[in-house]
Structure formats: structure tokens, C-alpha cells
Protein backbone atom coordinates (compact mmCIF):
# COMPACT_ATOMS: atom_id res chain seq x y z
CA MET A 1 101.89 77.87 126.39
CA THR A 2 98.76 76.68 125.81
CA MET A 3 98.22 74.42 122.37
CA SER A 4 96.37 77.40 120.44
CA ALA A 5 99.23 79.67 121.05
CA GLY A 6 101.95 77.17 120.01
CA LEU A 7 99.82 76.24 117.00
CA ARG A 8 100.70 80.05 116.45
CA VAL A 9 104.02 80.50 116.80
CA PHE A 10 104.10 77.28 114.83
CA MET A 11 101.93 78.86 111.93
CA ARG A 12 104.72 81.83 112.10
CA LEU A 13 107.17 80.02 111.47
CA VAL A 14 105.99 78.20 108.74
CA LEU A 15 104.93 81.14 106.66
CA ALA A 16 108.58 83.01 107.57
CA LEU A 17 110.62 79.64 106.06
CA ALA A 18 108.10 79.59 103.11
CA VAL A 19 108.88 83.46 102.58
CA ALA A 20 112.70 82.57 102.68
CA ALA A 21 112.52 79.32 100.42
CA LEU A 22 110.68 82.13 97.96
CA ALA A 23 113.51 84.55 98.92
CA LEU A 24 115.77 82.30 98.00
CA THR A 25 113.86 81.10 94.98
CA ALA A 26 113.78 84.14 93.61
CA LEU A 27 117.39 84.69 94.37
CA ALA A 28 118.52 81.71 92.61
CA ALA A 29 115.91 83.18 89.72
CA TYR A 30 117.97 86.18 89.64
CA TRP A 31 121.61 84.85 90.11
CA LEU A 32 120.74 82.39 86.91
CA GLY A 33 119.64 85.49 84.95
CA THR A 34 122.81 86.80 85.45
CA GLN A 35 126.60 86.21 83.50
CA SER A 36 127.63 84.67 86.42
CA GLY A 37 124.65 82.24 86.29
CA LEU A 38 124.70 81.90 82.21
CA GLU A 39 128.57 80.09 83.16
CA TRP A 40 127.87 78.18 85.79
CA ILE A 41 124.96 76.85 83.60
CA ALA A 42 127.11 76.48 80.91
CA HIS A 43 130.07 75.09 83.19
CA ARG A 44 127.68 71.69 83.95
CA ALA A 45 127.07 71.54 80.00
CA MET A 46 130.78 71.15 79.62
CA LEU A 47 131.21 68.98 82.78
CA ALA A 48 128.13 66.34 81.77
CA SER A 49 129.74 66.23 78.10
CA GLU A 50 132.61 64.23 79.61
CA GLY A 51 135.37 66.89 78.02
CA ARG A 52 133.46 66.81 74.25
CA LEU A 53 131.91 70.16 74.89
CA SER A 54 134.38 73.53 74.96
CA ARG A 55 133.07 76.86 74.35
CA THR A 56 134.38 80.63 74.68
CA GLY A 57 132.71 83.99 74.70
CA VAL A 58 129.54 82.81 76.24
CA GLN A 59 127.33 86.03 76.27
CA GLY A 60 123.63 86.87 77.91
CA SER A 61 121.31 86.15 79.70
CA ILE A 62 119.03 82.66 80.10
CA TYR A 63 115.95 84.64 80.34
CA ARG A 64 116.55 86.93 77.28
CA ARG A 65 119.24 86.39 74.86
CA ILE A 66 122.73 84.53 75.02
CA THR A 67 125.33 84.10 72.46
CA VAL A 68 128.42 81.68 72.39
CA ALA A 69 131.55 83.08 70.30
CA ARG A 70 132.41 79.71 70.04
CA ALA A 71 131.42 76.29 70.54
CA GLU A 72 132.53 72.86 69.90
CA PHE A 73 131.80 69.12 70.08
CA ASP A 74 134.22 66.43 69.52
CA ASP A 75 132.53 63.01 69.40
CA PRO A 76 134.63 59.90 68.15
CA ALA A 77 131.63 59.47 64.92
CA ALA A 78 132.26 63.53 64.51
CA LYS A 79 133.38 66.93 65.26
CA LEU A 80 131.40 69.92 65.61
CA ASP A 81 132.68 73.83 65.04
CA ILE A 82 129.95 75.66 65.76
CA GLN A 83 130.80 79.47 65.53
CA ASN A 84 128.59 82.71 66.22
CA LEU A 85 125.74 81.15 68.34
CA GLN A 86 122.91 83.12 69.01
CA LEU A 87 119.45 82.37 70.74
CA GLU A 88 116.63 84.30 71.98
CA TRP A 89 113.84 82.49 73.25
CA GLN A 90 110.55 82.68 75.33
CA PRO A 91 110.98 81.32 78.70
CA ARG A 92 106.87 81.82 79.83
CA ALA A 93 106.02 79.38 77.16
CA LEU A 94 108.36 76.26 79.31
CA LEU A 95 104.83 76.45 81.43
CA ARG A 96 103.11 75.67 78.57
CA ARG A 97 105.32 72.43 78.24
CA LYS A 98 106.34 74.32 74.73
CA LEU A 99 110.14 75.40 73.70
CA GLN A 100 109.47 78.33 71.93
CA ILE A 101 112.73 80.10 70.37
CA SER A 102 111.96 83.64 68.82
CA LYS A 103 115.69 83.42 67.10
CA PHE A 104 118.76 80.75 66.63
CA GLY A 105 121.41 81.57 64.64
CA ILE A 106 124.88 79.91 63.55
CA GLY A 107 127.43 81.91 61.37
CA ALA A 108 129.44 79.23 60.64
CA LEU A 109 128.65 74.83 60.85
CA ALA A 110 132.03 72.99 60.28
CA ILE A 111 131.38 69.10 60.38
CA ALA A 112 134.42 66.75 60.40
CA TYR A 113 134.16 63.15 60.15
CA ALA A 114 136.07 59.95 59.08
CA ALA A 115 135.04 58.27 56.16
CA SER A 116 133.98 54.05 57.80
CA ASP A 117 133.43 50.77 55.78
CA GLU A 118 131.28 50.22 58.63
CA THR A 119 128.17 48.57 56.78
CA VAL A 120 125.66 48.68 59.57
CA PRO A 121 122.47 50.27 58.69
CA PRO A 122 121.37 52.92 61.08
CA PRO A 123 118.17 51.34 64.00
CA PHE A 124 115.22 52.23 62.92
CA PRO A 125 113.78 54.66 66.04
CA ALA A 126 110.51 54.05 67.99
CA THR A 127 109.54 57.24 67.83
CA LEU A 128 110.88 60.49 67.18
CA ARG A 129 108.53 62.31 69.65
CA LEU A 130 109.47 65.12 71.95
CA PRO A 131 109.66 65.42 75.03
CA ILE A 132 107.97 69.11 74.50
CA ASP A 133 106.74 71.00 71.90
CA LEU A 134 108.99 73.29 70.25
CA ALA A 135 109.01 75.83 67.69
CA ILE A 136 111.62 77.97 65.90
CA ALA A 137 110.00 81.26 64.52
CA GLU A 138 113.44 82.57 62.97
CA GLY A 139 116.59 80.02 62.38
CA GLU A 140 119.53 80.51 59.69
CA VAL A 141 122.92 78.91 59.26
CA ARG A 142 125.59 81.27 57.13
CA ARG A 143 127.90 78.74 55.99
CA ILE A 144 128.07 75.04 56.52
CA LEU A 145 131.48 73.57 55.96
CA LEU A 146 131.70 69.38 55.67
CA ASN A 147 135.18 68.20 56.14
CA GLY A 148 136.82 71.57 54.85
CA GLU A 149 134.77 72.14 52.34
CA ASP A 150 132.13 74.33 51.47
CA ALA A 151 128.93 72.62 51.13
CA ALA A 152 125.66 75.00 51.66
CA ALA A 153 124.74 79.07 52.85
CA ASP A 154 122.55 80.87 53.59
CA LEU A 155 120.43 78.70 55.16
CA ARG A 156 116.84 79.94 56.61
CA PHE A 157 113.94 77.39 57.72
CA ARG A 158 110.86 77.97 60.17
CA LEU A 159 110.15 74.77 62.50
CA ARG A 160 107.32 73.65 64.30
CA SER A 161 107.36 70.44 66.42
CA ASP A 162 104.34 68.99 68.09
CA SER A 163 103.37 65.43 69.40
CA ARG A 164 101.99 64.25 66.18
CA SER A 165 104.42 66.10 63.31
CA HIS A 166 107.62 67.87 62.68
CA GLU A 167 106.94 70.65 60.05
CA LEU A 168 109.93 72.27 58.68
CA GLU A 169 109.73 75.11 56.33
CA LEU A 170 113.35 75.78 54.18
CA VAL A 171 113.00 79.41 53.86
CA ASN A 172 116.15 79.10 51.48
CA VAL A 173 119.47 77.40 51.28
CA THR A 174 122.65 78.04 48.35
CA LEU A 175 123.97 74.64 46.86
CA PHE A 176 126.51 74.96 44.82
CA GLY A 177 125.61 78.20 42.83
CA ALA A 178 121.61 77.23 43.35
CA ARG A 179 118.94 78.16 45.79
CA ALA A 180 116.51 75.88 47.42
CA SER A 181 113.50 76.40 49.21
CA GLY A 182 110.78 73.70 50.25
CA ALA A 183 109.00 71.99 52.70
CA LEU A 184 108.53 68.78 54.90
CA SER A 185 106.53 67.84 57.61
CA ALA A 186 107.08 63.64 59.26
CA GLY A 187 104.83 61.99 61.90
CA THR A 188 106.36 61.51 65.55
CA ALA A 189 104.50 58.02 64.87
CA GLN A 190 106.36 54.52 63.31
CA PRO A 191 105.87 54.32 60.28
CA PHE A 192 106.44 58.33 60.57
CA ALA A 193 104.70 59.62 57.43
CA LEU A 194 106.48 62.35 54.69
CA ALA A 195 105.21 64.75 53.06
CA GLY A 196 107.20 67.62 51.42
CA SER A 197 108.69 69.58 47.84
CA LEU A 198 111.98 70.99 47.34
CA ALA A 199 112.19 73.50 44.27
CA LEU A 200 115.56 74.55 43.18
CA ALA A 201 116.82 77.50 40.74
CA GLY A 202 120.19 78.70 39.85
CA THR A 203 123.47 78.47 37.51
CA VAL A 204 125.47 75.74 38.33
CA ARG A 205 129.02 76.06 36.73
CA LYS A 206 128.09 78.96 34.53
CA THR A 207 124.95 75.89 33.06
CA ALA A 208 121.05 77.15 34.14
CA LEU A 209 119.39 74.54 36.25
CA SER A 210 116.11 74.16 37.66
CA ALA A 211 114.66 71.24 39.64
CA LYS A 212 111.46 70.13 41.26
CA VAL A 213 111.23 67.51 44.24
CA GLN A 214 108.56 65.51 45.16
CA ILE A 215 108.75 63.91 48.50
CA ASP A 216 106.58 61.06 50.06
CA GLY A 217 105.77 57.30 51.88
CA SER A 218 107.55 56.61 54.94
CA LEU A 219 110.62 57.68 56.72
CA GLU A 220 111.17 54.24 56.13
CA ARG A 221 110.87 53.84 52.77
CA PRO A 222 111.11 57.63 51.31
CA ARG A 223 110.04 58.10 47.78
CA LEU A 224 111.80 60.95 45.71
CA LYS A 225 110.20 61.69 42.26
CA LEU A 226 112.45 64.37 40.86
CA ALA A 227 112.60 67.03 37.59
CA THR A 228 114.97 69.00 36.53
CA ALA A 229 115.82 70.99 33.13
CA ALA A 230 119.64 71.22 32.54
CA LEU A 231 122.45 70.92 30.24
CA GLY A 232 120.07 71.67 27.36
CA GLY A 233 118.01 68.97 28.21
CA LEU A 234 114.94 66.91 30.48
CA VAL A 235 116.25 64.62 33.72
CA THR A 236 113.21 62.77 36.06
CA ALA A 237 113.79 60.29 38.37
CA ASP A 238 111.67 57.99 40.71
CA VAL A 239 114.11 56.29 43.13
CA LEU A 240 112.97 53.94 46.42
CA LEU A 241 115.36 54.47 49.33
CA ARG A 242 115.82 52.44 52.68
CA PRO A 243 118.10 54.69 54.73
CA PHE A 244 117.53 52.15 57.86
CA SER A 245 119.54 49.23 55.43
CA VAL A 246 122.46 47.70 54.71
CA LEU A 247 121.67 49.22 51.50
CA PRO A 248 120.16 51.96 51.76
CA LEU A 249 118.86 52.79 47.54
CA GLU A 250 116.05 49.95 46.73
CA THR A 251 115.13 51.39 42.90
CA LEU A 252 115.80 53.91 40.75
CA GLN A 253 113.95 55.13 37.74
CA LEU A 254 115.93 57.52 35.22
CA ASP A 255 115.02 59.15 32.11
CA ALA A 256 117.19 62.17 30.24
CA GLN A 257 116.16 63.28 26.91
CA GLY A 258 118.62 65.90 24.95
CA ILE A 259 121.35 66.54 26.82
CA ASP A 260 124.82 68.37 25.60
CA LEU A 261 127.54 67.84 27.62
CA ALA A 262 129.00 71.21 25.86
CA LEU A 263 126.88 72.96 28.46
CA TRP A 264 128.07 71.69 31.21
CA GLU A 265 132.37 72.49 30.15
CA ALA A 266 133.05 74.88 26.49
CA SER A 267 135.60 72.32 25.71
CA LEU A 268 133.64 69.30 25.96
CA PRO A 269 132.26 67.86 22.26
CA ARG A 270 128.59 68.53 21.66
CA THR A 271 126.16 65.32 22.29
CA ARG A 272 121.75 65.02 21.95
CA VAL A 273 122.19 62.01 24.77
CA SER A 274 118.90 59.92 25.37
CA LEU A 275 119.97 58.02 28.45
CA LYS A 276 117.80 55.38 30.05
CA LEU A 277 118.73 53.42 33.40
CA ALA A 278 116.83 51.66 35.90
CA ALA A 279 118.04 49.58 39.06
CA THR A 280 116.05 46.98 41.29
CA MET A 281 117.05 44.44 43.97
CA PRO A 282 115.23 41.68 43.40
CA ARG A 283 117.60 39.66 45.14
CA ARG A 284 118.41 40.65 48.90
CA ASN A 285 121.28 43.33 49.44
CA ARG A 286 121.50 42.58 45.44
CA TYR A 287 120.86 44.36 42.43
CA ALA A 288 120.33 44.18 39.14
CA GLY A 289 119.73 46.68 35.98
CA ALA A 290 120.39 47.77 32.71
CA PHE A 291 120.96 50.73 30.63
CA THR A 292 120.85 52.05 27.53
CA ALA A 293 122.39 56.34 26.11
CA LEU A 294 121.57 57.37 22.47
CA ASN A 295 123.32 60.28 20.55
CA GLY A 296 121.53 62.26 18.43
CA LEU A 297 124.48 64.10 17.72
CA PRO A 298 127.68 62.02 16.94
CA GLY A 299 130.16 62.87 14.72
CA LEU A 300 134.06 63.15 14.30
CA LEU A 301 136.59 64.53 17.06
CA ASP A 302 138.34 67.30 15.31
CA ALA A 303 133.92 68.77 15.03
CA LYS A 304 133.50 68.46 18.55
CA ARG A 305 131.25 65.42 18.46
CA ILE A 306 132.13 62.10 19.53
CA PRO A 307 131.64 59.29 17.43
CA LEU A 308 129.53 56.86 19.46
CA THR A 309 126.06 56.59 18.45
CA ARG A 310 125.03 54.10 21.72
CA ALA A 311 126.12 52.62 24.55
CA ALA A 312 124.16 50.12 26.64
CA ALA A 313 124.98 47.19 29.63
CA SER A 314 124.07 45.32 32.08
CA PHE A 315 124.81 44.97 35.84
CA SER A 316 124.58 43.60 38.66
CA GLY A 317 126.18 43.51 42.38
CA SER A 318 126.02 44.52 46.08
CA GLY A 319 127.31 48.22 46.02
CA THR A 320 130.23 47.76 46.20
CA ASP A 321 131.15 44.79 44.03
CA TRP A 322 130.18 44.90 40.76
CA GLU A 323 129.39 42.82 37.88
CA LEU A 324 129.30 44.46 33.44
CA SER A 325 127.69 42.35 31.25
CA ASN A 326 127.08 43.26 27.75
CA ILE A 327 128.45 45.88 27.39
CA ALA A 328 127.93 47.34 23.91
CA LEU A 329 129.87 50.97 22.40
CA ASP A 330 128.58 51.38 18.78
CA ILE A 331 130.54 53.92 17.21
CA GLY A 332 130.44 55.13 13.56
CA LYS A 333 128.39 53.19 10.78
CA ALA A 334 129.64 49.69 11.87
CA GLY A 335 131.57 50.11 15.06
CA ARG A 336 131.29 48.17 17.54
CA ILE A 337 133.65 47.63 21.64
CA THR A 338 131.94 44.69 23.07
CA GLY A 339 132.78 43.28 26.53
CA THR A 340 132.78 42.17 30.37
CA GLY A 341 134.14 43.67 33.39
CA ALA A 342 133.92 43.64 37.23
CA ILE A 343 134.61 46.46 39.93
CA SER A 344 134.67 45.78 43.13
CA ARG A 345 137.14 48.16 45.66
CA ALA A 346 139.95 46.44 45.70
CA SER A 347 140.08 45.99 41.78
CA THR A 348 138.77 46.75 38.45
CA ARG A 349 139.00 43.95 35.39
CA LEU A 350 137.17 44.54 31.82
CA VAL A 351 137.98 42.92 28.91
CA LEU A 352 136.49 44.57 25.50
CA ARG A 353 136.45 43.43 21.99
CA VAL A 354 136.80 45.41 19.20
CA ALA A 355 135.39 44.87 15.75
CA ASN A 356 135.24 47.01 12.35
CA LEU A 357 136.14 50.08 13.55
CA ARG A 358 136.95 53.07 11.14
CA THR A 359 139.20 55.17 12.26
CA ASP A 360 138.15 57.88 9.70
CA GLU A 361 134.86 57.67 11.55
CA LEU A 362 136.92 59.10 14.83
CA HIS A 363 138.94 61.73 12.84
CA GLY A 364 138.58 63.87 10.10
CA LYS A 365 142.77 63.91 9.72
CA LEU A 366 142.94 60.02 10.36
CA ARG A 367 142.32 57.52 6.73
CA SER A 368 140.62 54.72 6.69
CA LEU A 369 141.43 51.95 8.27
CA THR A 370 138.88 49.23 9.75
CA VAL A 371 141.04 46.90 12.82
CA ALA A 372 140.03 44.82 15.02
CA GLY A 373 141.26 43.48 18.54
CA ASN A 374 141.39 43.26 22.04
CA ALA A 375 141.98 45.87 25.20
CA THR A 376 142.45 45.11 29.00
CA LEU A 377 141.60 47.59 31.19
CA THR A 378 142.98 46.65 34.92
CA GLY A 379 143.31 48.60 38.11
CA ASP A 380 141.95 49.69 41.33
CA ALA A 381 141.40 53.40 42.96
CA ASP A 382 144.96 54.34 42.15
CA THR A 383 146.45 53.08 38.95
CA GLN A 384 144.80 51.75 35.89
CA ARG A 385 146.51 49.81 33.44
CA LEU A 386 145.25 49.44 29.04
CA LEU A 387 146.72 46.48 27.14
CA ALA A 388 145.42 46.87 23.59
CA LYS A 389 146.29 45.07 20.76
CA LEU A 390 144.61 45.74 17.00
CA ALA A 391 145.17 44.94 14.11
CA GLY A 392 143.84 45.87 10.15
CA ASN A 393 144.87 46.22 6.76
CA GLY A 394 148.05 44.97 7.14
CA THR A 395 148.47 47.33 9.99
CA GLN A 396 149.08 46.55 13.81
CA LEU A 397 148.88 48.37 16.97
CA ASP A 398 150.28 47.25 20.74
CA ILE A 399 150.23 49.61 23.50
CA ALA A 400 150.84 49.96 27.38
CA ALA A 401 149.75 52.59 29.26
CA ASN A 402 148.44 53.45 33.00
CA HIS A 403 146.89 56.37 34.86
CA ALA A 404 148.45 56.70 38.50
CA ARG A 405 148.66 60.52 40.08
CA ASP A 406 146.70 62.43 37.73
CA ILE A 407 148.83 61.69 35.01
CA LEU A 408 148.37 59.52 32.11
CA THR A 409 151.49 57.64 30.72
CA VAL A 410 151.98 55.26 27.68
CA GLU A 411 154.60 53.19 28.67
CA THR A 412 155.06 51.49 25.26
CA GLY A 413 153.48 51.49 21.71
CA THR A 414 154.71 50.08 19.01
CA LEU A 415 152.68 50.94 15.30
CA ARG A 416 153.66 48.27 12.50
CA ALA A 417 152.80 48.58 8.74
CA LYS A 418 154.60 46.20 6.59
CA ASP A 419 158.12 47.16 6.76
CA ALA A 420 157.61 50.74 8.50
CA ARG A 421 157.83 50.54 12.38
CA LEU A 422 156.98 52.57 15.21
CA ASP A 423 157.56 52.60 18.67
CA PHE A 424 156.57 55.93 20.89
CA SER A 425 156.23 56.69 24.79
CA ALA A 426 153.77 59.76 25.95
CA ARG A 427 153.10 60.87 29.24
CA LEU A 428 150.40 63.77 29.52
CA ALA A 429 149.89 65.14 33.07
CA LEU A 430 146.07 65.49 34.19
CA SER A 431 146.57 69.31 35.56
CA PRO A 432 145.80 72.48 34.25
CA GLU A 433 148.38 73.46 32.59
CA ARG A 434 148.10 69.58 31.05
CA THR A 435 152.27 69.43 30.29
CA PHE A 436 153.11 66.42 28.24
CA ALA A 437 156.51 64.59 26.60
CA LEU A 438 156.46 62.05 23.40
CA ASN A 439 159.63 59.99 22.69
CA ALA A 440 159.04 58.25 19.05
CA ALA A 441 161.47 55.68 17.07
CA PHE A 442 160.16 55.28 13.45
CA ALA A 443 161.70 53.37 10.24
CA ASN A 444 160.87 53.40 6.99
CA LEU A 445 157.21 55.29 8.00
CA ASP A 446 155.04 56.69 5.50
CA PRO A 447 152.43 58.87 8.24
CA ALA A 448 150.42 59.37 4.16
CA ARG A 449 149.77 55.37 5.06
CA PHE A 450 147.64 56.48 8.59
CA ILE A 451 146.62 60.77 8.53
CA HIS A 452 146.31 63.17 5.47
CA MET A 453 149.40 64.40 4.58
CA PRO A 454 152.13 64.60 1.79
CA SER A 455 153.32 60.82 1.00
CA ALA A 456 157.27 60.19 2.99
CA LEU A 457 159.72 57.98 3.79
CA LEU A 458 161.21 58.63 7.57
CA ASN A 459 163.71 56.86 9.28
CA GLY A 460 164.93 58.95 12.98
CA THR A 461 163.86 60.13 16.02
CA LEU A 462 161.67 62.36 18.06
CA ALA A 463 161.61 64.39 21.44
CA THR A 464 159.22 66.47 22.48
CA ARG A 465 157.60 68.96 25.19
CA GLY A 466 155.52 71.34 26.39
CA ARG A 467 152.32 72.11 27.57
CA LEU A 468 148.28 72.65 25.97
CA ALA A 469 147.03 75.11 28.09
CA PRO A 470 146.64 78.00 29.01
CA SER A 471 148.49 78.06 25.14
CA TRP A 472 150.14 75.29 23.32
CA LEU A 473 153.73 75.46 23.56
CA ALA A 474 156.72 72.45 22.74
CA ASP A 475 160.43 72.65 22.72
CA VAL A 476 160.76 69.88 19.71
CA ARG A 477 163.42 68.05 18.15
CA LEU A 478 163.28 66.01 15.17
CA ALA A 479 166.25 63.96 13.70
CA LEU A 480 165.98 62.57 10.49
CA THR A 481 168.49 60.08 8.64
CA ASN A 482 167.92 58.52 4.95
CA SER A 483 164.80 59.88 4.46
CA ARG A 484 163.21 61.18 1.81
CA PHE A 485 159.53 63.37 0.69
CA HIS A 486 158.12 62.11 -2.11
């Protein structure tokens, strides 16, 4: 065989191998586009996740449309449950180093995570640049749940990411009955500049609400400026965040004008509250601030008002442990409650002093008594306890009460006025029916000394049980001895 003949044979062999390789590549490419190929890819993804990923109902082709009935990802930090996933994309865009998704949809996304006391902040990223460009022309998540509770619905968005920036267009999302839309852009290189806005409008708990949020700054220190109309008033806020620090809030300025609590819940009293709150971080990981609230519609409780005219306090703390000082509550014309306190995860303690408090400025049925005294509130997240001692005009009131498991309990109460005495205990459940119980024993008691009613001298006992809602119902047992009415 001559050299030229040998070369021809070698070239034919190379050509045959090339044709065979192309054929095998085409066959593999065809097979990957089949249902069997898609199942193989899904199985490889499960193996790569080390058992954390599971899926059911995978259908379609990697070249056209993929649907997944359900996918679950179980990680120590959180668990994701995705139902009815749909993906349509354009594989040819990969030749341009771009992941082009025509449609991305999820029927329901459930996220479950455990509460953590971890205080280590997340690390600040070195870059936000993706390996390839990404575009989602139409994205949708119909329902989002956090720890089993509905958090959002009807989320629709568009996304474009390249080497310079990520741009998100929020077409719609429903939060607590209100709809929001907006846009946000973020740079891919430090300091990751932010720019965006969000508008929200709708009805929350039968209350009209509208809000606008402007976003700027950087990912390390984003700034939010909020303006909202709600509860008959206006609220503005300027917030500077530090999401990659132990304490994510750096500064807060809040201003509210004309807030009416009755517009939030019809059973609440009418108010016209103006509030100013400021918080800064003068020392590392330590807040300091103050708030002042003024009520332009003070009044009696039976007139669906609150007698509070002004409330103020200063505070400092680390986010979990707080100290309160300069507490001042002005009630009526001259009544005042002042005090100090400390609040932490483990316990709460407030020490209050009452001065010049007139009872007839609290409720229209009460006669005028000017009282003063002390009250102490202690407790933790589960149980709170109140001890109070008030006196004035020859009258003294001692109360020991607590709150636990949505039940208010007056353990002991004693009212003394000269030779009269009233001992009582009570219980009120904070359930929808507001069930209650009251037991009392009294001697030489003239109720007209405290409330507007005909004078009497009463001795005996009272036991009553019932409910306050949906309609008032009570079983009353009254036993009188050696009593008279004037």
C-alpha cells in the first residue's frame, strides 16, 4: 500500500468516526428531549442534591415545555414545597450565553422555616453577577405561604439580568387584600447600587390603604422612604437599613398625623393621634430614641374615646434588651402616670407612679375621686403580672392581676372606704365570646360613693358568670343581708 493510499484510508476512517460521533450526538440530543431523557435529568438532579430534592409528575421536554406536579427541597435552614411548576424556555439562547425563559409559573410555593436565635449576620457578597445573562419574560406565583400561613398571592413579574445589573418589574402582588406593583434595579458589582419604587393600594381589614415606597442607596445600606394614607391620617417614614449587620436597622424617623383607631376596628375608641418617633444608633449595636404621641380627641371611655391626651417615653437597647425612661402618660386635665422600665426576651418590668388621677375623667358613670399610688408590671412572654395600690379621698384600692394564655385574671382585689370594704376576684377570657366570671363580698358598701346611682348600704355576696359576645348574657346570684336602700 502506497503512502497516498494509506492516507486515503485514514481520512475515510476519521470521516466515518466523525459521522458516527455526530450521529451519536444527534441521537443523545434527541433522547434528552424525550420523556425518558427528562426523567434521567431529574434523577441526576436528585442525586446531586444528596437526597434533599424530591419530585413527582415530571412531564415534557427540555427543548420546549417542562411541568412538575410537585417538587420538595428539604434543607436544615428551610423547607420548600413547590406545586404545579411550569417552565417554557428557548434553548438556542444558550448559544448567546443567555438563559431565556418565556414563561415561569408556580401554582403554590410553601416555605417553612424554624425560628432561630442566631445573631450572626449573613456575609456581604463579593459579586451579584450571574454566570450567564438571564431573562424571564413572564413569571407568576399564584400563592405563597410562610410556615403554613398565607403571605402573598397573584405574584406576577418580569426579570432581566446581565453583567451590569438585575432589573425586576413587579407587575402585581396581593398582600393582605391590597395590591402592589413597582420596579427595582440592583447593580452586580459592589456596592450594589439600588433604585426602585413600590406602590400599594387596597383594603385591609375593611380599611382603605394606599402607600408609596421609594428605594435607593446600596445593598449594604438600603434607604426606604414611605408615605401612606391610612386610618384617616398620613404616615411618613424614613428608614436606613443595614441588612448585613447584627442589627439591621440603623436609623428610623416616623411621623404620623390624624390617626383614628376606630377606622381599624369599629369597637376601638375614636382618636386623632399624632405620633413622632426617632431612633438612631449612637453606639455600635445600641439604639437610642424617643417617641411622643398626642391625642386630639380625648374623652370618656363610655363616649368611645380615651382620656389619654399625651404619651411619651425615651428608650435605648440592643434590639432584644430595652430600657425605658421618662415614661409620661397625661390623662384628663391633671392626671399623670410616670415611670421607668426594662424589657428583654426573658422578662419585663415596669414601675409606674400615678398622680392626680380623677376617676370622673375616665368614665361618665364614676364619681369624682382623685387618686394616686404605684403600680408594678412584671412578667415574660407567657405571663404578665400587675400589682397596684391606689388611694385618695379616704379610699384605697389594692389589685393583684395577671394575664396568661389569653385570660385576664384579677386574683385579689380590695376596695376600702372608711368602714366599707369590697373584696373581689374576676376572670375574663380574650376569646371571641369574652366569657367572664366575677365573685365579690362586701360589707357596709355604698356604691353611690363611687358611681352615679341611688345611695345604699349593702352587705352580702355576688357571683356572676356569662359572656360579652355576640350578645351579653349573664347568670347573676346576689345575696344581701342587713342591707338598706335610701
